[in-house]
PDB file of N, CA and C in Angstrom:
ATOM      1  N   ASN A   1     173.638 151.956  84.168  1.00  0.00           N
ATOM      2  CA  ASN A   1     173.257 152.243  85.542  1.00  0.00           C
ATOM      3  C   ASN A   1     171.905 151.618  85.892  1.00  0.00           C
ATOM      4  N   ASN A   2     171.075 151.483  84.897  1.00  0.00           N
ATOM      5  CA  ASN A   2     169.739 150.928  85.113  1.00  0.00           C
ATOM      6  C   ASN A   2     169.773 149.467  85.555  1.00  0.00           C
ATOM      7  N   ASN A   3     170.715 148.709  85.033  1.00  0.00           N
ATOM      8  CA  ASN A   3     170.824 147.292  85.357  1.00  0.00           C
ATOM      9  C   ASN A   3     171.221 147.067  86.803  1.00  0.00           C
ATOM     10  N   HIS A   4     172.055 147.948  87.318  1.00  0.00           N
ATOM     11  CA  HIS A   4     172.496 147.820  88.700  1.00  0.00           C
ATOM     12  C   HIS A   4     171.556 148.595  89.603  1.00  0.00           C
ATOM     13  N   SER A   5     170.790 147.891  90.396  1.00  0.00           N
ATOM     14  CA  SER A   5     169.856 148.589  91.278  1.00  0.00           C
ATOM     15  C   SER A   5     170.603 149.165  92.459  1.00  0.00           C
ATOM     16  N   SER A   6     170.146 150.274  92.911  1.00  0.00           N
ATOM     17  CA  SER A   6     170.805 150.936  94.042  1.00  0.00           C
ATOM     18  C   SER A   6     170.522 150.145  95.322  1.00  0.00           C
ATOM     19  N   PRO A   7     171.355 150.303  96.338  1.00  0.00           N
ATOM     20  CA  PRO A   7     171.160 149.605  97.617  1.00  0.00           C
ATOM     21  C   PRO A   7     169.781 149.873  98.202  1.00  0.00           C
ATOM     22  N   LYS A   8     169.261 151.074  97.995  1.00  0.00           N
ATOM     23  CA  LYS A   8     167.954 151.441  98.528  1.00  0.00           C
ATOM     24  C   LYS A   8     166.867 150.541  97.928  1.00  0.00           C
ATOM     25  N   GLN A   9     166.926 150.356  96.594  1.00  0.00           N
ATOM     26  CA  GLN A   9     165.942 149.498  95.915  1.00  0.00           C
ATOM     27  C   GLN A   9     166.054 148.056  96.398  1.00  0.00           C
ATOM     28  N   ASN A  10     167.291 147.627  96.603  1.00  0.00           N
ATOM     29  CA  ASN A  10     167.532 146.273  97.109  1.00  0.00           C
ATOM     30  C   ASN A  10     166.838 146.057  98.448  1.00  0.00           C
ATOM     31  N   ARG A  11     166.973 147.031  99.307  1.00  0.00           N
ATOM     32  CA  ARG A  11     166.377 146.960 100.622  1.00  0.00           C
ATOM     33  C   ARG A  11     164.841 146.829 100.494  1.00  0.00           C
ATOM     34  N   LYS A  12     164.296 147.659  99.619  1.00  0.00           N
ATOM     35  CA  LYS A  12     162.855 147.627  99.383  1.00  0.00           C
ATOM     36  C   LYS A  12     162.420 146.233  98.965  1.00  0.00           C
ATOM     37  N   LYS A  13     163.126 145.670  98.028  1.00  0.00           N
ATOM     38  CA  LYS A  13     162.791 144.362  97.482  1.00  0.00           C
ATOM     39  C   LYS A  13     162.794 143.299  98.577  1.00  0.00           C
ATOM     40  N   SER A  14     163.828 143.321  99.401  1.00  0.00           N
ATOM     41  CA  SER A  14     163.924 142.300 100.443  1.00  0.00           C
ATOM     42  C   SER A  14     162.777 142.457 101.448  1.00  0.00           C
ATOM     43  N   LYS A  15     162.398 143.712 101.750  1.00  0.00           N
ATOM     44  CA  LYS A  15     161.274 143.936 102.655  1.00  0.00           C
ATOM     45  C   LYS A  15     160.003 143.333 102.069  1.00  0.00           C
ATOM     46  N   ARG A  16     159.810 143.588 100.780  1.00  0.00           N
ATOM     47  CA  ARG A  16     158.618 143.093 100.105  1.00  0.00           C
ATOM     48  C   ARG A  16     158.598 141.562 100.117  1.00  0.00           C
ATOM     49  N   SER A  17     159.750 140.939  99.839  1.00  0.00           N
ATOM     50  CA  SER A  17     159.795 139.469  99.806  1.00  0.00           C
ATOM     51  C   SER A  17     159.576 138.895 101.209  1.00  0.00           C
ATOM     52  N   LYS A  18     160.077 139.625 102.219  1.00  0.00           N
ATOM     53  CA  LYS A  18     159.833 139.193 103.598  1.00  0.00           C
ATOM     54  C   LYS A  18     158.328 139.194 103.889  1.00  0.00           C
ATOM     55  N   ARG A  19     157.673 140.285 103.478  1.00  0.00           N
ATOM     56  CA  ARG A  19     156.238 140.421 103.698  1.00  0.00           C
ATOM     57  C   ARG A  19     155.494 139.300 102.964  1.00  0.00           C
ATOM     58  N   LYS A  20     155.944 139.057 101.745  1.00  0.00           N
ATOM     59  CA  LYS A  20     155.308 138.003 100.937  1.00  0.00           C
ATOM     60  C   LYS A  20     155.484 136.641 101.611  1.00  0.00           C
ATOM     61  N   ARG A  21     156.716 136.403 102.125  1.00  0.00           N
ATOM     62  CA  ARG A  21     157.000 135.140 102.800  1.00  0.00           C
ATOM     63  C   ARG A  21     156.094 134.994 104.025  1.00  0.00           C
ATOM     64  N   LYS A  22     155.952 136.074 104.788  1.00  0.00           N
ATOM     65  CA  LYS A  22     155.100 136.053 105.968  1.00  0.00           C
ATOM     66  C   LYS A  22     153.662 135.710 105.588  1.00  0.00           C
ATOM     67  N   ARG A  23     153.184 136.364 104.536  1.00  0.00           N
ATOM     68  CA  ARG A  23     151.816 136.126 104.084  1.00  0.00           C
ATOM     69  C   ARG A  23     151.650 134.661 103.669  1.00  0.00           C
ATOM     70  N   THR A  24     152.630 134.134 102.968  1.00  0.00           N
ATOM     71  CA  THR A  24     152.583 132.733 102.539  1.00  0.00           C
ATOM     72  C   THR A  24     152.542 131.811 103.749  1.00  0.00           C
ATOM     73  N   GLU A  25     153.385 132.104 104.747  1.00  0.00           N
ATOM     74  CA  GLU A  25     153.388 131.280 105.963  1.00  0.00           C
ATOM     75  C   GLU A  25     152.037 131.340 106.660  1.00  0.00           C
ATOM     76  N   LEU A  26     151.477 132.536 106.722  1.00  0.00           N
ATOM     77  CA  LEU A  26     150.172 132.714 107.355  1.00  0.00           C
ATOM     78  C   LEU A  26     149.113 131.911 106.582  1.00  0.00           C
ATOM     79  N   ASP A  27     149.160 132.020 105.252  1.00  0.00           N
ATOM     80  CA  ASP A  27     148.216 131.262 104.419  1.00  0.00           C
ATOM     81  C   ASP A  27     148.330 129.770 104.683  1.00  0.00           C
ATOM     82  N   GLU A  28     149.563 129.293 104.761  1.00  0.00           N
ATOM     83  CA  GLU A  28     149.777 127.863 105.008  1.00  0.00           C
ATOM     84  C   GLU A  28     149.236 127.463 106.377  1.00  0.00           C
ATOM     85  N   THR A  29     149.476 128.322 107.371  1.00  0.00           N
ATOM     86  CA  THR A  29     148.982 128.045 108.719  1.00  0.00           C
ATOM     87  C   THR A  29     147.457 127.957 108.717  1.00  0.00           C
ATOM     88  N   ILE A  30     146.830 128.944 108.059  1.00  0.00           N
ATOM     89  CA  ILE A  30     145.365 128.952 107.979  1.00  0.00           C
ATOM     90  C   ILE A  30     144.879 127.694 107.262  1.00  0.00           C
ATOM     91  N   GLN A  31     145.553 127.367 106.175  1.00  0.00           N
ATOM     92  CA  GLN A  31     145.193 126.169 105.402  1.00  0.00           C
ATOM     93  C   GLN A  31     145.269 124.920 106.280  1.00  0.00           C
ATOM     94  N   ASN A  32     146.374 124.800 107.017  1.00  0.00           N
ATOM     95  CA  ASN A  32     146.572 123.642 107.902  1.00  0.00           C
ATOM     96  C   ASN A  32     145.496 123.580 108.981  1.00  0.00           C
ATOM     97  N   ASP A  33     145.206 124.750 109.566  1.00  0.00           N
ATOM     98  CA  ASP A  33     144.170 124.806 110.604  1.00  0.00           C
ATOM     99  C   ASP A  33     142.827 124.357 110.046  1.00  0.00           C
ATOM    100  N   MET A  34     142.519 124.820 108.856  1.00  0.00           N
ATOM    101  CA  MET A  34     141.230 124.462 108.253  1.00  0.00           C
ATOM    102  C   MET A  34     141.172 122.965 107.964  1.00  0.00           C
ATOM    103  N   GLN A  35     142.277 122.431 107.475  1.00  0.00           N
ATOM    104  CA  GLN A  35     142.332 120.983 107.224  1.00  0.00           C
ATOM    105  C   GLN A  35     142.115 120.218 108.526  1.00  0.00           C
ATOM    106  N   GLN A  36     142.767 120.685 109.579  1.00  0.00           N
ATOM    107  CA  GLN A  36     142.646 120.015 110.871  1.00  0.00           C
ATOM    108  C   GLN A  36     141.201 120.078 111.361  1.00  0.00           C
ATOM    109  N   MET A  37     140.556 121.233 111.177  1.00  0.00           N
ATOM    110  CA  MET A  37     139.157 121.373 111.579  1.00  0.00           C
ATOM    111  C   MET A  37     138.276 120.403 110.795  1.00  0.00           C
ATOM    112  N   GLN A  38     138.575 120.281 109.511  1.00  0.00           N
ATOM    113  CA  GLN A  38     137.806 119.364 108.662  1.00  0.00           C
ATOM    114  C   GLN A  38     137.983 117.926 109.148  1.00  0.00           C
ATOM    115  N   ILE A  39     139.221 117.581 109.468  1.00  0.00           N
ATOM    116  CA  ILE A  39     139.527 116.235 109.963  1.00  0.00           C
ATOM    117  C   ILE A  39     138.762 115.981 111.264  1.00  0.00           C
ATOM    118  N   ASN A  40     138.776 116.988 112.159  1.00  0.00           N
ATOM    119  CA  ASN A  40     138.062 116.840 113.425  1.00  0.00           C
ATOM    120  C   ASN A  40     136.572 116.656 113.196  1.00  0.00           C
ATOM    121  N   ASP A  41     136.019 117.449 112.277  1.00  0.00           N
ATOM    122  CA  ASP A  41     134.594 117.328 111.940  1.00  0.00           C
ATOM    123  C   ASP A  41     134.291 115.929 111.413  1.00  0.00           C
ATOM    124  N   ASP A  42     135.128 115.476 110.487  1.00  0.00           N
ATOM    125  CA  ASP A  42     134.934 114.140 109.904  1.00  0.00           C
ATOM    126  C   ASP A  42     134.960 113.089 110.995  1.00  0.00           C
ATOM    127  N   ASN A  43     135.948 113.211 111.890  1.00  0.00           N
ATOM    128  CA  ASN A  43     136.072 112.233 112.980  1.00  0.00           C
ATOM    129  C   ASN A  43     134.820 112.235 113.848  1.00  0.00           C
ATOM    130  N   ARG A  44     134.329 113.439 114.155  1.00  0.00           N
ATOM    131  CA  ARG A  44     133.122 113.552 114.977  1.00  0.00           C
ATOM    132  C   ARG A  44     131.945 112.872 114.264  1.00  0.00           C
ATOM    133  N   ASN A  45     131.828 113.144 112.973  1.00  0.00           N
ATOM    134  CA  ASN A  45     130.730 112.547 112.194  1.00  0.00           C
ATOM    135  C   ASN A  45     130.840 111.026 112.161  1.00  0.00           C
ATOM    136  N   TYR A  46     132.061 110.538 111.928  1.00  0.00           N
ATOM    137  CA  TYR A  46     132.244 109.087 111.889  1.00  0.00           C
ATOM    138  C   TYR A  46     131.915 108.459 113.235  1.00  0.00           C
ATOM    139  N   LYS A  47     132.300 109.148 114.297  1.00  0.00           N
ATOM    140  CA  LYS A  47     132.031 108.627 115.641  1.00  0.00           C
ATOM    141  C   LYS A  47     130.528 108.540 115.863  1.00  0.00           C
ATOM    142  N   GLN A  48     129.800 109.597 115.468  1.00  0.00           N
ATOM    143  CA  GLN A  48     128.340 109.595 115.624  1.00  0.00           C
ATOM    144  C   GLN A  48     127.718 108.466 114.807  1.00  0.00           C
ATOM    145  N   LEU A  49     128.184 108.322 113.568  1.00  0.00           N
ATOM    146  CA  LEU A  49     127.672 107.245 112.711  1.00  0.00           C
ATOM    147  C   LEU A  49     127.930 105.885 113.353  1.00  0.00           C
ATOM    148  N   TYR A  50     129.154 105.722 113.859  1.00  0.00           N
ATOM    149  CA  TYR A  50     129.535 104.463 114.493  1.00  0.00           C
ATOM    150  C   TYR A  50     128.614 104.145 115.670  1.00  0.00           C
ATOM    151  N   LEU A  51     128.402 105.168 116.538  1.00  0.00           N
ATOM    152  CA  LEU A  51     127.563 104.948 117.723  1.00  0.00           C
ATOM    153  C   LEU A  51     126.126 104.625 117.314  1.00  0.00           C
ATOM    154  N   LYS A  52     125.642 105.321 116.290  1.00  0.00           N
ATOM    155  CA  LYS A  52     124.288 105.081 115.801  1.00  0.00           C
ATOM    156  C   LYS A  52     124.156 103.637 115.321  1.00  0.00           C
ATOM    157  N   GLU A  53     125.117 103.208 114.519  1.00  0.00           N
ATOM    158  CA  GLU A  53     125.101 101.833 114.003  1.00  0.00           C
ATOM    159  C   GLU A  53     125.202 100.824 115.142  1.00  0.00           C
ATOM    160  N   LYS A  54     126.068 101.131 116.099  1.00  0.00           N
ATOM    161  CA  LYS A  54     126.268 100.233 117.233  1.00  0.00           C
ATOM    162  C   LYS A  54     124.949 100.064 117.995  1.00  0.00           C
ATOM    163  N   ASN A  55     124.269 101.185 118.248  1.00  0.00           N
ATOM    164  CA  ASN A  55     122.980 101.125 118.937  1.00  0.00           C
ATOM    165  C   ASN A  55     121.966 100.321 118.138  1.00  0.00           C
ATOM    166  N   LYS A  56     121.949 100.576 116.823  1.00  0.00           N
ATOM    167  CA  LYS A  56     121.011  99.862 115.960  1.00  0.00           C
ATOM    168  C   LYS A  56     121.290  98.360 116.034  1.00  0.00           C
ATOM    169  N   ASN A  57     122.568  98.006 115.976  1.00  0.00           N
ATOM    170  CA  ASN A  57     122.955  96.593 116.042  1.00  0.00           C
ATOM    171  C   ASN A  57     122.564  95.965 117.379  1.00  0.00           C
ATOM    172  N   GLN A  58     122.729  96.732 118.457  1.00  0.00           N
ATOM    173  CA  GLN A  58     122.346  96.212 119.777  1.00  0.00           C
ATOM    174  C   GLN A  58     120.842  95.966 119.832  1.00  0.00           C
ATOM    175  N   GLU A  59     120.069  96.923 119.284  1.00  0.00           N
ATOM    176  CA  GLU A  59     118.611  96.746 119.259  1.00  0.00           C
ATOM    177  C   GLU A  59     118.251  95.495 118.473  1.00  0.00           C
ATOM    178  N   ILE A  60     118.868  95.360 117.298  1.00  0.00           N
ATOM    179  CA  ILE A  60     118.568  94.210 116.434  1.00  0.00           C
ATOM    180  C   ILE A  60     118.936  92.913 117.149  1.00  0.00           C
ATOM    181  N   SER A  61     120.098  92.880 117.792  1.00  0.00           N
ATOM    182  CA  SER A  61     120.517  91.624 118.422  1.00  0.00           C
ATOM    183  C   SER A  61     119.637  91.295 119.621  1.00  0.00           C
ATOM    184  N   SER A  62     119.178  92.310 120.365  1.00  0.00           N
ATOM    185  CA  SER A  62     118.300  91.999 121.491  1.00  0.00           C
ATOM    186  C   SER A  62     116.932  91.545 120.982  1.00  0.00           C
ATOM    187  N   GLU A  63     116.484  92.158 119.880  1.00  0.00           N
ATOM    188  CA  GLU A  63     115.224  91.727 119.262  1.00  0.00           C
ATOM    189  C   GLU A  63     115.355  90.273 118.802  1.00  0.00           C
ATOM    190  N   PHE A  64     116.498  89.969 118.207  1.00  0.00           N
ATOM    191  CA  PHE A  64     116.756  88.613 117.731  1.00  0.00           C
ATOM    192  C   PHE A  64     116.745  87.626 118.902  1.00  0.00           C
ATOM    193  N   GLU A  65     117.395  88.013 120.006  1.00  0.00           N
ATOM    194  CA  GLU A  65     117.406  87.161 121.205  1.00  0.00           C
ATOM    195  C   GLU A  65     115.986  86.881 121.682  1.00  0.00           C
ATOM    196  N   ASN A  66     115.181  87.948 121.732  1.00  0.00           N
ATOM    197  CA  ASN A  66     113.790  87.785 122.165  1.00  0.00           C
ATOM    198  C   ASN A  66     113.033  86.828 121.248  1.00  0.00           C
ATOM    199  N   CYS A  67     113.253  86.972 119.951  1.00  0.00           N
ATOM    200  CA  CYS A  67     112.603  86.077 118.995  1.00  0.00           C
ATOM    201  C   CYS A  67     113.026  84.624 119.234  1.00  0.00           C
ATOM    202  N   CYS A  68     114.316  84.442 119.494  1.00  0.00           N
ATOM    203  CA  CYS A  68     114.817  83.087 119.757  1.00  0.00           C
ATOM    204  C   CYS A  68     114.168  82.504 121.009  1.00  0.00           C
ATOM    205  N   LYS A  69     114.066  83.316 122.066  1.00  0.00           N
ATOM    206  CA  LYS A  69     113.435  82.841 123.304  1.00  0.00           C
ATOM    207  C   LYS A  69     111.994  82.441 123.033  1.00  0.00           C
ATOM    208  N   GLU A  70     111.291  83.300 122.284  1.00  0.00           N
ATOM    209  CA  GLU A  70     109.891  83.018 121.974  1.00  0.00           C
ATOM    210  C   GLU A  70     109.777  81.739 121.150  1.00  0.00           C
ATOM    211  N   ARG A  71     110.662  81.606 120.166  1.00  0.00           N
ATOM    212  CA  ARG A  71     110.660  80.408 119.331  1.00  0.00           C
ATOM    213  C   ARG A  71     110.871  79.163 120.195  1.00  0.00           C
ATOM    214  N   ASP A  72     111.856  79.224 121.099  1.00  0.00           N
ATOM    215  CA  ASP A  72     112.136  78.084 121.978  1.00  0.00           C
ATOM    216  C   ASP A  72     110.913  77.750 122.839  1.00  0.00           C
ATOM    217  N   HIS A  73     110.274  78.816 123.335  1.00  0.00           N
ATOM    218  CA  HIS A  73     109.080  78.635 124.166  1.00  0.00           C
ATOM    219  C   HIS A  73     108.001  77.871 123.391  1.00  0.00           C
ATOM    220  N   TRP A  74     107.736  78.331 122.149  1.00  0.00           N
ATOM    221  CA  TRP A  74     106.674  77.692 121.361  1.00  0.00           C
ATOM    222  C   TRP A  74     107.071  76.297 120.899  1.00  0.00           C
ATOM    223  N   GLN A  75     108.330  76.115 120.632  1.00  0.00           N
ATOM    224  CA  GLN A  75     108.833  74.794 120.244  1.00  0.00           C
ATOM    225  C   GLN A  75     108.570  73.799 121.381  1.00  0.00           C
ATOM    226  N   LEU A  76     108.869  74.222 122.607  1.00  0.00           N
ATOM    227  CA  LEU A  76     108.656  73.380 123.777  1.00  0.00           C
ATOM    228  C   LEU A  76     107.160  73.051 123.919  1.00  0.00           C
ATOM    229  N   LYS A  77     106.329  74.095 123.790  1.00  0.00           N
ATOM    230  CA  LYS A  77     104.882  73.897 123.873  1.00  0.00           C
ATOM    231  C   LYS A  77     104.427  72.864 122.836  1.00  0.00           C
ATOM    232  N   TYR A  78     104.928  73.042 121.611  1.00  0.00           N
ATOM    233  CA  TYR A  78     104.560  72.143 120.525  1.00  0.00           C
ATOM    234  C   TYR A  78     104.975  70.707 120.851  1.00  0.00           C
ATOM    235  N   GLU A  79     106.219  70.538 121.333  1.00  0.00           N
ATOM    236  CA  GLU A  79     106.706  69.192 121.649  1.00  0.00           C
ATOM    237  C   GLU A  79     105.877  68.555 122.764  1.00  0.00           C
ATOM    238  N   GLN A  80     105.525  69.357 123.774  1.00  0.00           N
ATOM    239  CA  GLN A  80     104.689  68.827 124.869  1.00  0.00           C
ATOM    240  C   GLN A  80     103.328  68.369 124.331  1.00  0.00           C
ATOM    241  N   LEU A  81     102.732  69.229 123.501  1.00  0.00           N
ATOM    242  CA  LEU A  81     101.422  68.885 122.938  1.00  0.00           C
ATOM    243  C   LEU A  81     101.522  67.641 122.057  1.00  0.00           C
ATOM    244  N   TYR A  82     102.572  67.587 121.256  1.00  0.00           N
ATOM    245  CA  TYR A  82     102.782  66.448 120.369  1.00  0.00           C
ATOM    246  C   TYR A  82     102.877  65.149 121.185  1.00  0.00           C
ATOM    247  N   ASP A  83     103.676  65.206 122.283  1.00  0.00           N
ATOM    248  CA  ASP A  83     103.829  64.025 123.149  1.00  0.00           C
ATOM    249  C   ASP A  83     102.491  63.620 123.748  1.00  0.00           C
ATOM    250  N   LYS A  84     101.708  64.600 124.185  1.00  0.00           N
ATOM    251  CA  LYS A  84     100.387  64.313 124.765  1.00  0.00           C
ATOM    252  C   LYS A  84      99.510  63.579 123.753  1.00  0.00           C
ATOM    253  N   VAL A  85      99.432  64.166 122.565  1.00  0.00           N
ATOM    254  CA  VAL A  85      98.589  63.562 121.515  1.00  0.00           C
ATOM    255  C   VAL A  85      99.081  62.153 121.195  1.00  0.00           C
ATOM    256  N   LYS A  86     100.374  61.984 121.088  1.00  0.00           N
ATOM    257  CA  LYS A  86     100.967  60.681 120.777  1.00  0.00           C
ATOM    258  C   LYS A  86     100.561  59.660 121.854  1.00  0.00           C
ATOM    259  N   ASN A  87     100.693  60.071 123.136  1.00  0.00           N
ATOM    260  CA  ASN A  87     100.327  59.187 124.245  1.00  0.00           C
ATOM    261  C   ASN A  87      98.850  58.810 124.187  1.00  0.00           C
ATOM    262  N   VAL A  88      98.009  59.824 123.954  1.00  0.00           N
ATOM    263  CA  VAL A  88      96.560  59.559 123.883  1.00  0.00           C
ATOM    264  C   VAL A  88      96.274  58.551 122.770  1.00  0.00           C
ATOM    265  N   LEU A  89      96.883  58.769 121.608  1.00  0.00           N
ATOM    266  CA  LEU A  89      96.646  57.854 120.477  1.00  0.00           C
ATOM    267  C   LEU A  89      97.143  56.449 120.800  1.00  0.00           C
ATOM    268  N   GLU A  90      98.315  56.334 121.415  1.00  0.00           N
ATOM    269  CA  GLU A  90      98.861  55.014 121.749  1.00  0.00           C
ATOM    270  C   GLU A  90      97.970  54.315 122.770  1.00  0.00           C
ATOM    271  N   ASN A  91      97.516  55.058 123.793  1.00  0.00           N
ATOM    272  CA  ASN A  91      96.628  54.477 124.798  1.00  0.00           C
ATOM    273  C   ASN A  91      95.326  54.017 124.153  1.00  0.00           C
ATOM    274  N   ASP A  92      94.824  54.847 123.278  1.00  0.00           N
ATOM    275  CA  ASP A  92      93.579  54.540 122.566  1.00  0.00           C
ATOM    276  C   ASP A  92      93.743  53.251 121.773  1.00  0.00           C
ATOM    277  N   ARG A  93      94.848  53.147 121.074  1.00  0.00           N
ATOM    278  CA  ARG A  93      95.110  51.970 120.245  1.00  0.00           C
ATOM    279  C   ARG A  93      95.235  50.732 121.123  1.00  0.00           C
ATOM    280  N   ALA A  94      95.893  50.877 122.280  1.00  0.00           N
ATOM    281  CA  ALA A  94      96.121  49.731 123.169  1.00  0.00           C
ATOM    282  C   ALA A  94      94.807  49.250 123.779  1.00  0.00           C
ATOM    283  N   SER A  95      93.911  50.172 124.090  1.00  0.00           N
ATOM    284  CA  SER A  95      92.688  49.768 124.783  1.00  0.00           C
ATOM    285  C   SER A  95      91.596  49.269 123.818  1.00  0.00           C
ATOM    286  N   SER A  96      91.712  49.613 122.547  1.00  0.00           N
ATOM    287  CA  SER A  96      90.661  49.170 121.610  1.00  0.00           C
ATOM    288  C   SER A  96      90.910  47.746 121.172  1.00  0.00           C
ATOM    289  N   PRO A  97      89.873  47.025 120.885  1.00  0.00           N
ATOM    290  CA  PRO A  97      90.066  45.618 120.430  1.00  0.00           C
ATOM    291  C   PRO A  97      90.708  45.593 119.061  1.00  0.00           C
ATOM    292  N   PRO A  98      91.381  44.494 118.752  1.00  0.00           N
ATOM    293  CA  PRO A  98      92.018  44.395 117.426  1.00  0.00           C
ATOM    294  C   PRO A  98      90.939  44.504 116.341  1.00  0.00           C
ATOM    295  N   PRO A  99      91.265  45.108 115.238  1.00  0.00           N
ATOM    296  CA  PRO A  99      90.268  45.280 114.155  1.00  0.00           C
ATOM    297  C   PRO A  99      89.821  43.929 113.625  1.00  0.00           C
ATOM    298  N   LEU A 100      88.580  43.841 113.224  1.00  0.00           N
ATOM    299  CA  LEU A 100      88.023  42.575 112.689  1.00  0.00           C
ATOM    300  C   LEU A 100      88.484  42.410 111.248  1.00  0.00           C
ATOM    301  N   ARG A 101      88.708  41.144 110.898  1.00  0.00           N
ATOM    302  CA  ARG A 101      89.151  40.886 109.513  1.00  0.00           C
ATOM    303  C   ARG A 101      88.072  40.190 108.740  1.00  0.00           C
TER     304      ARG A 101
END
């Protein structure tokens, strides 16, 4: 008689397994929600990092542009000065008498 459980015990068992199943489903739901929250947090962090890097890159590229403009400006100044000096030297050479031998 011990091996055969009564219908009453059977009912109890099924109730317990139902409760256990519910708890497991709830646990899984909570687990999934937490994972999703973690994913959202990660995404937010990556987005912030991305924007920070993007801003940094924009600053660097504008700084680089400014440096290039300045370099071009000074290069032009240098070339103008070089041409002036060259002209002065050529004029000087043309107006001076040939060297004595």
